[in-house]
Amino acid sequence: MRAGLIMTLEIRWIEDLLALEQEKSISQAAEIRHVTQSAFTRRIQNIENALGFQILKRYSKNIDFRSWSSLTSIFKKHTKSTHYNH
């Protein structure tokens, strides 16, 4: 059960980040993900807290990822270790 919960959270994280990458806007990404902007912002902050670093550059009109390649690398490594350990 716990492994399923962890995998579900990872998929949600990836979907949230992909929405951000596509829209370049927290409010528009939140709309696509069917949550309020404040809830979506908290979700992104939770991802950043879990990873241990800030993943977004926030501007007044849009956002940009600090290092998309580093982020995808972390997800790949974590997904492999989760897959092989369960």
N, C-alpha and C. Protein backbone atom coordinates (compact mmCIF):
# COMPACT_ATOMS: atom_id res chain seq x y z
N MET A 1 0.82 -1.19 0.00
CA MET A 1 0.00 0.00 0.00
C MET A 1 0.87 1.25 0.00
N ARG A 2 1.87 1.29 0.85
CA ARG A 2 2.74 2.47 0.93
C ARG A 2 3.47 2.71 -0.38
N ALA A 3 3.98 1.67 -1.02
CA ALA A 3 4.67 1.83 -2.30
C ALA A 3 3.73 2.42 -3.34
N GLY A 4 2.48 1.99 -3.34
CA GLY A 4 1.50 2.54 -4.27
C GLY A 4 1.25 4.02 -4.02
N LEU A 5 1.20 4.40 -2.74
CA LEU A 5 1.01 5.79 -2.39
C LEU A 5 2.18 6.63 -2.86
N ILE A 6 3.39 6.15 -2.64
CA ILE A 6 4.59 6.86 -3.08
C ILE A 6 4.59 7.01 -4.59
N MET A 7 4.27 5.96 -5.32
CA MET A 7 4.25 6.03 -6.77
C MET A 7 3.19 7.01 -7.25
N THR A 8 2.02 7.03 -6.61
CA THR A 8 0.97 7.96 -6.97
C THR A 8 1.44 9.40 -6.79
N LEU A 9 2.11 9.67 -5.69
CA LEU A 9 2.63 11.01 -5.46
C LEU A 9 3.65 11.39 -6.51
N GLU A 10 4.51 10.49 -6.87
CA GLU A 10 5.51 10.78 -7.89
C GLU A 10 4.85 11.10 -9.22
N ILE A 11 3.85 10.34 -9.59
CA ILE A 11 3.16 10.60 -10.85
C ILE A 11 2.50 11.97 -10.80
N ARG A 12 1.86 12.31 -9.69
CA ARG A 12 1.24 13.62 -9.55
C ARG A 12 2.29 14.72 -9.65
N TRP A 13 3.44 14.51 -9.02
CA TRP A 13 4.52 15.50 -9.10
C TRP A 13 4.93 15.71 -10.55
N ILE A 14 5.14 14.64 -11.26
CA ILE A 14 5.56 14.74 -12.65
C ILE A 14 4.50 15.44 -13.48
N GLU A 15 3.24 15.09 -13.27
CA GLU A 15 2.15 15.74 -14.00
C GLU A 15 2.07 17.23 -13.68
N ASP A 16 2.27 17.59 -12.42
CA ASP A 16 2.28 19.01 -12.04
C ASP A 16 3.43 19.74 -12.73
N LEU A 17 4.60 19.15 -12.70
CA LEU A 17 5.76 19.80 -13.31
C LEU A 17 5.63 19.89 -14.82
N LEU A 18 5.06 18.88 -15.44
CA LEU A 18 4.84 18.94 -16.89
C LEU A 18 3.83 20.04 -17.24
N ALA A 19 2.81 20.20 -16.43
CA ALA A 19 1.84 21.29 -16.65
C ALA A 19 2.53 22.64 -16.54
N LEU A 20 3.42 22.79 -15.55
CA LEU A 20 4.18 24.03 -15.41
C LEU A 20 5.09 24.27 -16.60
N GLU A 21 5.76 23.23 -17.04
CA GLU A 21 6.66 23.35 -18.19
C GLU A 21 5.86 23.77 -19.43
N GLN A 22 4.70 23.21 -19.60
CA GLN A 22 3.86 23.52 -20.77
C GLN A 22 3.32 24.95 -20.71
N GLU A 23 2.81 25.36 -19.57
CA GLU A 23 2.10 26.64 -19.46
C GLU A 23 3.00 27.81 -19.09
N LYS A 24 4.11 27.55 -18.41
CA LYS A 24 5.01 28.60 -17.92
C LYS A 24 4.29 29.59 -17.00
N SER A 25 3.23 29.12 -16.37
CA SER A 25 2.43 29.96 -15.48
C SER A 25 1.81 29.08 -14.40
N ILE A 26 1.97 29.49 -13.15
CA ILE A 26 1.40 28.71 -12.05
C ILE A 26 -0.12 28.72 -12.12
N SER A 27 -0.71 29.87 -12.40
CA SER A 27 -2.18 29.94 -12.43
C SER A 27 -2.75 29.10 -13.56
N GLN A 28 -2.13 29.12 -14.73
CA GLN A 28 -2.63 28.32 -15.86
C GLN A 28 -2.38 26.83 -15.63
N ALA A 29 -1.24 26.50 -15.05
CA ALA A 29 -0.96 25.09 -14.74
C ALA A 29 -1.95 24.58 -13.70
N ALA A 30 -2.27 25.41 -12.71
CA ALA A 30 -3.25 25.03 -11.69
C ALA A 30 -4.61 24.76 -12.33
N GLU A 31 -4.98 25.59 -13.28
CA GLU A 31 -6.26 25.41 -13.97
C GLU A 31 -6.29 24.08 -14.72
N ILE A 32 -5.21 23.77 -15.42
CA ILE A 32 -5.11 22.49 -16.14
C ILE A 32 -5.21 21.31 -15.19
N ARG A 33 -4.61 21.46 -14.00
CA ARG A 33 -4.58 20.38 -13.02
C ARG A 33 -5.83 20.37 -12.13
N HIS A 34 -6.74 21.31 -12.37
CA HIS A 34 -8.03 21.37 -11.67
C HIS A 34 -7.89 21.60 -10.16
N VAL A 35 -6.98 22.52 -9.80
CA VAL A 35 -6.82 22.92 -8.41
C VAL A 35 -6.71 24.44 -8.36
N THR A 36 -6.87 25.02 -7.17
CA THR A 36 -6.70 26.46 -7.04
C THR A 36 -5.22 26.81 -7.16
N GLN A 37 -4.95 28.07 -7.47
CA GLN A 37 -3.57 28.51 -7.60
C GLN A 37 -2.81 28.34 -6.29
N SER A 38 -3.44 28.65 -5.17
CA SER A 38 -2.76 28.51 -3.88
C SER A 38 -2.46 27.05 -3.56
N ALA A 39 -3.39 26.16 -3.87
CA ALA A 39 -3.15 24.73 -3.65
C ALA A 39 -2.02 24.23 -4.54
N PHE A 40 -2.00 24.68 -5.78
CA PHE A 40 -0.95 24.25 -6.70
C PHE A 40 0.42 24.77 -6.24
N THR A 41 0.44 26.01 -5.78
CA THR A 41 1.69 26.58 -5.26
C THR A 41 2.21 25.76 -4.09
N ARG A 42 1.31 25.36 -3.19
CA ARG A 42 1.72 24.52 -2.05
C ARG A 42 2.25 23.18 -2.53
N ARG A 43 1.63 22.62 -3.57
CA ARG A 43 2.11 21.34 -4.11
C ARG A 43 3.53 21.49 -4.65
N ILE A 44 3.79 22.57 -5.35
CA ILE A 44 5.14 22.81 -5.90
C ILE A 44 6.13 23.02 -4.75
N GLN A 45 5.73 23.76 -3.73
CA GLN A 45 6.59 23.95 -2.57
C GLN A 45 6.89 22.62 -1.88
N ASN A 46 5.90 21.74 -1.81
CA ASN A 46 6.12 20.40 -1.23
C ASN A 46 7.12 19.60 -2.06
N ILE A 47 7.03 19.71 -3.37
CA ILE A 47 8.00 19.02 -4.24
C ILE A 47 9.39 19.58 -3.96
N GLU A 48 9.51 20.90 -3.90
CA GLU A 48 10.81 21.53 -3.64
C GLU A 48 11.35 21.10 -2.28
N ASN A 49 10.49 21.06 -1.28
CA ASN A 49 10.93 20.63 0.06
C ASN A 49 11.40 19.18 0.04
N ALA A 50 10.69 18.32 -0.67
CA ALA A 50 11.07 16.91 -0.74
C ALA A 50 12.40 16.73 -1.47
N LEU A 51 12.62 17.53 -2.50
CA LEU A 51 13.86 17.43 -3.27
C LEU A 51 15.02 18.13 -2.57
N GLY A 52 14.71 19.11 -1.74
CA GLY A 52 15.76 19.82 -1.01
C GLY A 52 16.34 21.02 -1.73
N PHE A 53 15.69 21.46 -2.80
CA PHE A 53 16.16 22.67 -3.49
C PHE A 53 15.01 23.30 -4.26
N GLN A 54 15.19 24.60 -4.56
CA GLN A 54 14.18 25.33 -5.31
C GLN A 54 14.27 24.95 -6.78
N ILE A 55 13.15 24.56 -7.37
CA ILE A 55 13.17 24.10 -8.76
C ILE A 55 12.70 25.16 -9.74
N LEU A 56 12.09 26.24 -9.23
CA LEU A 56 11.55 27.26 -10.12
C LEU A 56 12.18 28.61 -9.88
N LYS A 57 12.34 29.36 -10.97
CA LYS A 57 12.60 30.79 -10.89
C LYS A 57 11.24 31.43 -11.06
N ARG A 58 10.84 32.23 -10.10
CA ARG A 58 9.52 32.86 -10.16
C ARG A 58 9.66 34.32 -10.57
N TYR A 59 8.94 34.69 -11.62
CA TYR A 59 8.91 36.06 -12.10
C TYR A 59 7.49 36.59 -11.94
N SER A 60 7.31 37.88 -12.14
CA SER A 60 5.97 38.45 -11.95
C SER A 60 4.96 37.90 -12.95
N LYS A 61 5.39 37.59 -14.16
CA LYS A 61 4.46 37.13 -15.20
C LYS A 61 4.55 35.64 -15.51
N ASN A 62 5.66 35.01 -15.17
CA ASN A 62 5.80 33.59 -15.51
C ASN A 62 6.83 32.92 -14.62
N ILE A 63 7.12 31.67 -14.93
CA ILE A 63 8.11 30.89 -14.17
C ILE A 63 9.07 30.24 -15.16
N ASP A 64 10.17 29.77 -14.64
CA ASP A 64 11.12 29.01 -15.44
C ASP A 64 11.79 28.00 -14.52
N PHE A 65 12.08 26.84 -15.05
CA PHE A 65 12.76 25.83 -14.25
C PHE A 65 14.23 26.19 -14.13
N ARG A 66 14.76 26.01 -12.94
CA ARG A 66 16.18 26.28 -12.71
C ARG A 66 17.05 25.28 -13.48
N SER A 67 16.70 24.02 -13.41
CA SER A 67 17.48 23.00 -14.11
C SER A 67 16.58 21.81 -14.41
N TRP A 68 15.96 21.81 -15.55
CA TRP A 68 15.04 20.74 -15.94
C TRP A 68 15.79 19.41 -16.02
N SER A 69 17.01 19.43 -16.55
CA SER A 69 17.75 18.17 -16.68
C SER A 69 18.10 17.58 -15.32
N SER A 70 18.45 18.42 -14.35
CA SER A 70 18.73 17.91 -13.01
C SER A 70 17.48 17.32 -12.38
N LEU A 71 16.36 17.96 -12.60
CA LEU A 71 15.10 17.49 -12.04
C LEU A 71 14.70 16.15 -12.63
N THR A 72 14.77 16.01 -13.93
CA THR A 72 14.40 14.74 -14.55
C THR A 72 15.37 13.64 -14.14
N SER A 73 16.63 13.98 -13.95
CA SER A 73 17.61 13.01 -13.50
C SER A 73 17.26 12.48 -12.11
N ILE A 74 16.84 13.36 -11.22
CA ILE A 74 16.45 12.95 -9.87
C ILE A 74 15.26 12.01 -9.93
N PHE A 75 14.24 12.34 -10.74
CA PHE A 75 13.07 11.48 -10.85
C PHE A 75 13.44 10.11 -11.42
N LYS A 76 14.32 10.08 -12.41
CA LYS A 76 14.72 8.80 -12.99
C LYS A 76 15.42 7.93 -11.95
N LYS A 77 16.36 8.51 -11.21
CA LYS A 77 17.09 7.75 -10.19
C LYS A 77 16.14 7.24 -9.11
N HIS A 78 15.25 8.11 -8.66
CA HIS A 78 14.33 7.72 -7.59
C HIS A 78 13.36 6.65 -8.07
N THR A 79 12.88 6.79 -9.28
CA THR A 79 11.94 5.81 -9.83
C THR A 79 12.61 4.45 -9.97
N LYS A 80 13.86 4.43 -10.44
CA LYS A 80 14.59 3.16 -10.57
C LYS A 80 14.79 2.51 -9.21
N SER A 81 15.21 3.30 -8.21
CA SER A 81 15.46 2.71 -6.89
C SER A 81 14.16 2.24 -6.25
N THR A 82 13.07 2.95 -6.46
CA THR A 82 11.77 2.53 -5.93
C THR A 82 11.31 1.26 -6.61
N HIS A 83 11.48 1.19 -7.92
CA HIS A 83 11.05 0.02 -8.70
C HIS A 83 11.81 -1.23 -8.27
N TYR A 84 13.11 -1.11 -8.13
CA TYR A 84 13.92 -2.28 -7.82
C TYR A 84 13.83 -2.70 -6.35
N ASN A 85 13.44 -1.77 -5.47
CA ASN A 85 13.36 -2.11 -4.05
C ASN A 85 12.00 -2.66 -3.65
N HIS A 86 11.01 -2.67 -4.56
CA HIS A 86 9.67 -3.13 -4.18
C HIS A 86 9.25 -4.22 -5.06
